[in-house]
């Protein structure tokens, strides 16, 4: 395990998520402040978009348009290069809970997951689907039977999609066909036993790892936040955990991304917990950063 000292890159958030490195700057969402932010070179944060429906996953179209998941109203918004904002896609008919994380490929196709149940009310987890949004906004169910799809990446060659299943303690992979369909469903990494379906409390108690936001590196490993156990872990294909970064006392870790000029800055979203009734009225979320040996690869 490496020796990873953490520095604080940003404070005062409500709940940071979906960090991305794009065009030489860090971008991220703040769920409960309803803002998409960019970090300036001096360390200050600038609001680029207000999302009343609660922003989450971020990605970019080939023309430079920013796509943003709007969680509560189950939409994907598009911020065009001229600053105009439109609805890119509506996903309410295909979603069982709040829409959440997203990865956008080089063709402009977006893969979007949803919770599958009412997380904030601790409803009973249930399987849900992964949606593909084509560049024209058409929505297609790409894969079904997933346990809280969360945290996604695409390999550098553009042929493999990897998605975390937070309630399944695993990362799942598919081959992306030229037409955008997903085939060859397989387990990329099983990190602990998948609990049988039951109540929220029963399933949470059995999870050994809860995969959250993730990022690929050039050795085909994933750095991933473990949403229940206050850490980021580096996962080899197959599931071996080969490195770990522990959160400071009192914080959990909920997303991470590799970026920076050499791709070796690991940015981590941390907060005391993820519950809206606590975080919406506090500013305890922080953005942490550390250096790693292997640079970023793939998308996002």
Protein backbone atom coordinates (compact mmCIF):
# COMPACT_ATOMS: atom_id res chain seq x y z
CA UNK A 1 0.00 0.00 0.00
CA UNK A 2 1.30 3.44 -0.90
CA UNK A 3 1.89 6.35 1.43
CA UNK A 4 -0.63 8.94 0.25
CA UNK A 5 -0.63 12.30 2.00
CA UNK A 6 -3.86 14.24 1.46
CA UNK A 7 -4.20 17.96 0.86
CA UNK A 8 -7.42 19.95 0.91
CA UNK A 9 -8.30 21.46 -2.47
CA UNK A 10 -11.72 22.94 -1.61
CA UNK A 11 -13.89 23.31 1.49
CA UNK A 12 -17.40 24.53 2.25
CA UNK A 13 -19.42 22.17 0.08
CA UNK A 14 -22.67 20.50 0.97
CA UNK A 15 -21.98 17.21 -0.86
CA UNK A 16 -19.41 17.11 -3.66
CA UNK A 17 -19.70 14.42 -6.34
CA UNK A 18 -18.68 13.50 -9.90
CA UNK A 19 -15.24 15.17 -10.09
CA UNK A 20 -13.90 15.48 -13.63
CA UNK A 21 -10.69 16.83 -15.20
CA UNK A 22 -11.53 18.68 -18.41
CA UNK A 23 -9.80 21.41 -20.41
CA UNK A 24 -7.16 21.94 -17.76
CA UNK A 25 -9.52 22.43 -14.82
CA UNK A 26 -11.39 20.39 -12.25
CA UNK A 27 -15.18 20.25 -12.53
CA UNK A 28 -17.60 18.79 -9.98
CA UNK A 29 -21.19 18.78 -8.80
CA UNK A 30 -22.48 19.83 -5.41
CA UNK A 31 -25.69 17.83 -4.92
CA UNK A 32 -27.40 19.85 -2.24
CA UNK A 33 -26.12 23.27 -3.26
CA UNK A 34 -27.52 22.54 -6.75
CA UNK A 35 -24.42 23.81 -8.53
CA UNK A 36 -21.86 22.59 -11.06
CA UNK A 37 -18.48 24.09 -10.18
CA UNK A 38 -15.07 24.54 -11.74
CA UNK A 39 -11.88 25.13 -9.78
CA UNK A 40 -9.75 28.05 -10.89
CA UNK A 41 -5.92 27.97 -10.76
CA UNK A 42 -5.98 30.08 -7.58
CA UNK A 43 -8.08 27.42 -5.84
CA UNK A 44 -11.34 29.35 -5.90
CA UNK A 45 -14.56 27.75 -7.13
CA UNK A 46 -16.75 29.22 -9.86
CA UNK A 47 -20.38 28.27 -10.54
CA UNK A 48 -20.94 27.34 -14.19
CA UNK A 49 -24.48 25.99 -13.90
CA UNK A 50 -27.30 25.94 -11.35
CA UNK A 51 -29.35 22.73 -11.47
CA UNK A 52 -32.52 22.96 -9.35
CA UNK A 53 -33.12 19.23 -9.85
CA UNK A 54 -29.78 18.37 -8.18
CA UNK A 55 -26.69 17.81 -10.36
CA UNK A 56 -24.68 14.61 -10.46
CA UNK A 57 -22.80 12.96 -13.34
CA UNK A 58 -20.91 15.18 -15.80
CA UNK A 59 -19.59 14.56 -19.30
CA UNK A 60 -18.89 16.29 -22.61
CA UNK A 61 -20.21 15.91 -26.14
CA UNK A 62 -17.83 16.05 -29.13
CA UNK A 63 -18.90 19.67 -29.80
CA UNK A 64 -17.87 20.69 -26.27
CA UNK A 65 -21.38 20.72 -24.80
CA UNK A 66 -21.51 19.81 -21.12
CA UNK A 67 -24.00 17.11 -20.16
CA UNK A 68 -25.27 17.11 -16.56
CA UNK A 69 -27.52 14.58 -14.85
CA UNK A 70 -30.44 16.30 -13.09
CA UNK A 71 -31.24 13.73 -10.44
CA UNK A 72 -34.64 14.52 -8.99
CA UNK A 73 -36.47 15.15 -12.28
CA UNK A 74 -34.60 12.29 -14.00
CA UNK A 75 -33.22 14.32 -16.88
CA UNK A 76 -29.94 14.99 -18.64
CA UNK A 77 -29.32 18.67 -19.31
CA UNK A 78 -27.07 20.04 -22.06
CA UNK A 79 -25.09 23.25 -21.63
CA UNK A 80 -24.14 24.27 -25.15
CA UNK A 81 -20.81 25.98 -25.96
CA UNK A 82 -22.63 29.33 -26.19
CA UNK A 83 -23.96 28.86 -22.63
CA UNK A 84 -27.54 28.00 -23.55
CA UNK A 85 -29.05 25.18 -21.48
CA UNK A 86 -31.59 22.72 -22.88
CA UNK A 87 -33.05 19.36 -21.95
CA UNK A 88 -30.99 16.70 -23.68
CA UNK A 89 -33.00 13.68 -22.53
CA UNK A 90 -35.85 12.69 -20.21
CA UNK A 91 -35.34 9.38 -18.40
CA UNK A 92 -38.32 9.20 -16.05
CA UNK A 93 -39.98 6.36 -17.97
CA UNK A 94 -36.87 4.18 -17.67
CA UNK A 95 -35.73 5.10 -14.12
CA UNK A 96 -36.76 3.59 -10.79
CA UNK A 97 -35.11 6.19 -8.56
CA UNK A 98 -33.03 9.35 -8.74
CA UNK A 99 -30.80 9.32 -11.81
CA UNK A 100 -27.18 9.54 -10.72
CA UNK A 101 -23.79 8.95 -12.30
CA UNK A 102 -22.94 9.09 -15.99
CA UNK A 103 -20.11 8.52 -18.42
CA UNK A 104 -20.07 9.98 -21.94
CA UNK A 105 -18.09 8.26 -24.70
CA UNK A 106 -16.16 9.77 -27.60
CA UNK A 107 -19.24 9.47 -29.85
CA UNK A 108 -21.34 11.55 -27.45
CA UNK A 109 -23.34 8.60 -26.13
CA UNK A 110 -24.10 8.86 -22.42
CA UNK A 111 -24.64 5.95 -20.05
CA UNK A 112 -26.73 6.88 -17.01
CA UNK A 113 -27.62 4.91 -13.89
CA UNK A 114 -30.27 5.42 -11.24
CA UNK A 115 -30.62 4.40 -7.59
CA UNK A 116 -33.41 1.90 -8.21
CA UNK A 117 -35.17 2.81 -4.94
CA UNK A 118 -35.70 5.70 -2.53
CA UNK A 119 -32.23 5.89 -0.98
CA UNK A 120 -32.89 8.86 1.31
CA UNK A 121 -35.91 7.15 2.87
CA UNK A 122 -33.93 3.90 3.15
CA UNK A 123 -36.37 2.04 0.94
CA UNK A 124 -35.85 -1.59 0.00
CA UNK A 125 -33.16 -1.86 -2.70
CA UNK A 126 -34.31 -3.33 -5.99
CA UNK A 127 -32.66 -3.99 -9.36
CA UNK A 128 -32.70 -1.26 -11.96
CA UNK A 129 -31.28 -0.50 -15.39
CA UNK A 130 -28.49 1.32 -17.13
CA UNK A 131 -29.70 3.78 -19.78
CA UNK A 132 -27.96 4.87 -22.98
CA UNK A 133 -28.67 8.37 -24.24
CA UNK A 134 -27.70 8.78 -27.88
CA UNK A 135 -26.39 12.11 -29.22
CA UNK A 136 -29.88 13.02 -30.47
CA UNK A 137 -31.34 12.48 -26.97
CA UNK A 138 -32.97 9.12 -27.65
CA UNK A 139 -33.05 6.96 -24.49
CA UNK A 140 -32.56 3.18 -24.62
CA UNK A 141 -32.35 0.69 -21.75
CA UNK A 142 -28.87 -0.77 -22.28
CA UNK A 143 -28.67 -3.27 -19.40
CA UNK A 144 -31.02 -4.47 -16.68
CA UNK A 145 -30.92 -6.21 -13.31
CA UNK A 146 -28.27 -3.96 -11.72
CA UNK A 147 -28.04 -3.27 -7.99
CA UNK A 148 -27.59 0.51 -7.74
CA UNK A 149 -25.39 1.22 -10.82
CA UNK A 150 -22.95 3.87 -9.66
CA UNK A 151 -19.53 5.00 -10.85
CA UNK A 152 -18.71 4.21 -14.48
CA UNK A 153 -15.69 4.21 -16.75
CA UNK A 154 -14.85 3.41 -20.37
CA UNK A 155 -11.52 1.86 -21.34
CA UNK A 156 -9.11 3.89 -23.52
CA UNK A 157 -9.95 1.90 -26.66
CA UNK A 158 -13.63 2.74 -26.19
CA UNK A 159 -14.74 -0.90 -26.28
CA UNK A 160 -15.49 -1.70 -22.63
CA UNK A 161 -17.92 -0.08 -20.19
CA UNK A 162 -17.38 -0.76 -16.48
CA UNK A 163 -20.04 0.13 -13.91
CA UNK A 164 -20.06 -0.22 -10.16
CA UNK A 165 -23.01 -1.83 -8.41
CA UNK A 166 -23.05 -0.24 -4.98
CA UNK A 167 -25.57 -2.71 -3.53
CA UNK A 168 -23.90 -5.65 -5.27
CA UNK A 169 -20.32 -5.09 -4.05
CA UNK A 170 -18.96 -5.48 -7.55
CA UNK A 171 -17.94 -3.85 -10.82
CA UNK A 172 -19.65 -5.16 -13.92
CA UNK A 173 -18.41 -4.85 -17.51
CA UNK A 174 -19.81 -5.05 -21.02
CA UNK A 175 -18.43 -4.81 -24.54
CA UNK A 176 -19.66 -1.68 -26.35
CA UNK A 177 -20.71 -2.56 -29.87
CA UNK A 178 -20.40 -0.02 -32.72
CA UNK A 179 -24.15 0.67 -32.53
CA UNK A 180 -23.92 1.38 -28.79
CA UNK A 181 -25.50 -1.86 -27.63
CA UNK A 182 -23.86 -3.68 -24.70
CA UNK A 183 -22.87 -7.35 -24.97
CA UNK A 184 -20.68 -9.88 -23.14
CA UNK A 185 -21.99 -9.03 -19.66
CA UNK A 186 -19.41 -10.10 -17.10
CA UNK A 187 -18.16 -9.40 -13.58
CA UNK A 188 -15.05 -7.20 -13.76
CA UNK A 189 -14.37 -7.35 -10.01
CA UNK A 190 -16.32 -9.02 -7.20
CA UNK A 191 -15.29 -7.19 -4.04
CA UNK A 192 -17.40 -9.09 -1.53
CA UNK A 193 -20.48 -11.30 -1.45
CA UNK A 194 -23.56 -9.81 -3.09
CA UNK A 195 -26.27 -9.65 -0.40
CA UNK A 196 -29.64 -11.22 -1.16
CA UNK A 197 -32.39 -8.71 -1.78
CA UNK A 198 -33.96 -7.51 1.45
CA UNK A 199 -34.45 -4.37 3.45
CA UNK A 200 -32.03 -1.47 3.26
CA UNK A 201 -30.71 -2.24 6.75
CA UNK A 202 -30.25 -5.94 5.99
CA UNK A 203 -28.35 -5.35 2.77
CA UNK A 204 -26.17 -2.52 4.09
CA UNK A 205 -25.16 -4.67 7.05
CA UNK A 206 -23.85 -7.39 4.71
CA UNK A 207 -21.91 -5.23 2.27
CA UNK A 208 -18.12 -5.43 2.59
CA UNK A 209 -17.47 -2.84 -0.15
CA UNK A 210 -19.93 -0.31 -1.61
CA UNK A 211 -18.45 0.87 -4.94
CA UNK A 212 -19.07 4.54 -5.74
CA UNK A 213 -17.41 7.06 -8.10
CA UNK A 214 -14.37 5.63 -9.89
CA UNK A 215 -11.59 6.31 -12.38
CA UNK A 216 -9.37 4.12 -14.57
CA UNK A 217 -5.59 4.28 -14.68
CA UNK A 218 -3.07 3.33 -17.35
CA UNK A 219 -2.47 -0.11 -15.82
CA UNK A 220 -6.18 -0.99 -16.26
CA UNK A 221 -6.83 -0.68 -12.52
CA UNK A 222 -9.71 1.25 -10.99
CA UNK A 223 -9.45 3.77 -8.19
CA UNK A 224 -12.86 3.70 -6.51
CA UNK A 225 -14.53 5.29 -3.54
CA UNK A 226 -15.96 2.84 -1.00
CA UNK A 227 -19.06 4.72 0.11
CA UNK A 228 -19.65 2.85 3.37
CA UNK A 229 -16.14 2.44 4.73
CA UNK A 230 -14.40 5.81 4.39
CA UNK A 231 -11.73 4.97 1.85
CA UNK A 232 -10.62 4.93 -1.78
CA UNK A 233 -9.23 1.66 -3.06
CA UNK A 234 -7.23 0.69 -6.12
CA UNK A 235 -8.69 -2.45 -7.67
CA UNK A 236 -6.99 -4.81 -10.09
CA UNK A 237 -9.08 -6.58 -12.75
CA UNK A 238 -10.62 -9.53 -10.97
CA UNK A 239 -11.07 -7.73 -7.67
CA UNK A 240 -7.79 -7.67 -5.73
CA UNK A 241 -7.43 -4.47 -3.72
CA UNK A 242 -3.80 -3.38 -4.18
CA UNK A 243 -3.82 0.07 -2.58
CA UNK A 244 -5.96 2.07 -0.16
CA UNK A 245 -6.37 5.66 0.97
CA UNK A 246 -8.19 6.19 4.26
CA UNK A 247 -10.41 9.21 4.84
CA UNK A 248 -9.55 11.62 7.66
CA UNK A 249 -11.50 10.99 10.87
CA UNK A 250 -15.14 11.94 10.58
CA UNK A 251 -15.31 11.78 6.79
CA UNK A 252 -16.41 9.29 4.19
CA UNK A 253 -15.25 9.14 0.58
CA UNK A 254 -17.84 9.05 -2.20
CA UNK A 255 -16.12 9.71 -5.55
CA UNK A 256 -12.65 10.05 -7.03
CA UNK A 257 -11.05 11.00 -10.34
CA UNK A 258 -7.55 11.06 -11.79
CA UNK A 259 -6.47 14.22 -13.58
CA UNK A 260 -4.10 17.15 -13.43
CA UNK A 261 -1.49 18.02 -16.02
CA UNK A 262 0.18 14.59 -15.80
CA UNK A 263 -2.94 12.61 -14.89
CA UNK A 264 -1.53 11.60 -11.50
CA UNK A 265 -3.59 13.84 -9.21
CA UNK A 266 -6.31 11.81 -7.51
CA UNK A 267 -9.19 14.12 -6.51
CA UNK A 268 -11.52 12.73 -3.86
CA UNK A 269 -14.96 13.95 -2.75
CA UNK A 270 -15.40 13.58 1.00
CA UNK A 271 -18.15 14.40 3.50
CA UNK A 272 -19.33 13.10 6.88
CA UNK A 273 -22.10 11.05 5.18
CA UNK A 274 -24.42 11.14 2.17
CA UNK A 275 -27.79 11.73 3.83
CA UNK A 276 -29.62 14.73 2.39
CA UNK A 277 -31.33 15.76 5.64
CA UNK A 278 -27.89 16.29 7.17
CA UNK A 279 -25.81 17.54 4.28
CA UNK A 280 -28.35 20.00 2.80
CA UNK A 281 -27.98 22.21 5.86
CA UNK A 282 -24.24 21.88 6.44
CA UNK A 283 -21.06 22.89 4.65
CA UNK A 284 -18.77 20.09 5.79
CA UNK A 285 -17.94 18.57 2.39
CA UNK A 286 -14.35 18.85 1.21
CA UNK A 287 -12.39 18.06 -1.91
CA UNK A 288 -9.16 16.21 -1.13
CA UNK A 289 -6.19 15.53 -3.39
CA UNK A 290 -3.23 13.19 -3.38
CA UNK A 291 -0.59 12.00 -5.82
CA UNK A 292 -0.42 8.49 -7.27
CA UNK A 293 2.12 6.68 -9.44
CA UNK A 294 -0.01 5.59 -12.40
CA UNK A 295 -1.79 8.24 -14.53
CA UNK A 296 -5.35 8.46 -15.73
CA UNK A 297 -6.66 6.51 -18.71
CA UNK A 298 -10.00 6.21 -20.48
CA UNK A 299 -13.21 8.10 -19.67
CA UNK A 300 -14.42 10.05 -17.83
